[in-house]
Amino acid sequence: MIRTVGRHDGREIREAVLESATSRIAVLNYGALMRDWRVFAAGRAVPCILGFDSFPPYLTHSKSFGIVAGRVANRIANATFPLGGETVTLVANEGAHHLHGGPAGLGKQIWEMETATGGLILRHHSPEGAMGYPGRVDFEISMALDGPTLTLTMTGAPDRPTPINLAQHNYYNLHGSGDTNGHLLEIDAEHYTPVDATLIPTGAVLPVAGTRLDFRQMTTPAAQDPAGVGVDLNLVLRPGRPVSAPAARLIGPETGLGLPVVTDQPGLQLFNAPTMAIAHPGHDGAQYGAFAGICLEAQKFPDSPNRPDWPSVIATPEEPYRQHLSLTIAPVA
């Protein structure tokens, strides 16, 4: 079912709902974002991602809630990178740097959306020069819900070499409200990419052992970070791990819900929103404050266009972009 829920820039904002016996997911064509994900647990329909009950608050209060970030998710240093012997200059939107595709990235575009067997297909044509990026790209996202499992296949077909690095940007709270410091988290990563004061990678790859990023064994963010500094860093998923096995697992003890994240990407950005303060109420009237959600953003590494020794984000007509992501929210057995 697809219905119109508003208008923006003279175009309809549409919402589709995917339902199974266990889950209900609402998706907007604005930003290809997941607005709501409900799972029945603890005697109620728990809103498992941060979001709003209607479209208008997304224009002024959202912190990339539920979007597909791109063309290149995460940060690009000084909003520039080399390509084909030239320097490409992007639109900066985080100080001197470029974040999540810029101020009008994919997460702020209106996508075409249609139902498909078992799910949805969203499409967006990104023109030459969008936010400074070279080339035209046809993006497509397919979403399919099977029981408690949502699978996403995200593709980008460019007409010339250009960087593409998408990230699905849900903020998870498996309790539906409050903070996530008491959630349990496990990530199959032995290394991370440290950053400077502006959150740009230094180029080093360091062990997580002895840091607040060591989630090789299931533990809570609060136990790893008793000072409450918070985390916004890329973890290097263990090379050679089975791609069908979860890269990360999140559990909400109060509801008994668990989330395994299965991805074919080499990195996972962990962000737990230590300074969040959203003025507008979220789902079921929840107030989203510090640590209200945890992002588990499967992607290639930040600033990869400037790091030729890291996994490449350059897509070509011969080798277009593709990412597969599987998300399951269900009671832990």
Foldseek 3Di string as FASTA:
>chain_A
DKDFQDDDPRHTWIWDWADDPFWIWIAILFLRFTAFIFGDFPNDTATFFWHAPGPPCCVPFDPLARGKFDQAAAKAPQQWFDDPNDIFHFEPDQVSIAHRCHPCTSNGDRWDWDADVQWIKTWDWDQACRRRWHFIKIKMWTWHDDRQKIKIKIWIATAFKTFGKIWGWTFTDRRRADAQQAKKKAAQFQWWFDADPSRAGPLDIGGCPPALPHRNDIDGSCVSCVVLPWFFTKTFHDPPDPLQFFRMKIADVVGQKMKGKRWPAGIWTWGQAQADFGPAAIPPRHTDGGNGGITTIGIFHHNQSHPVVGPGRIAGNVRIDIIMMMIGIDRDD
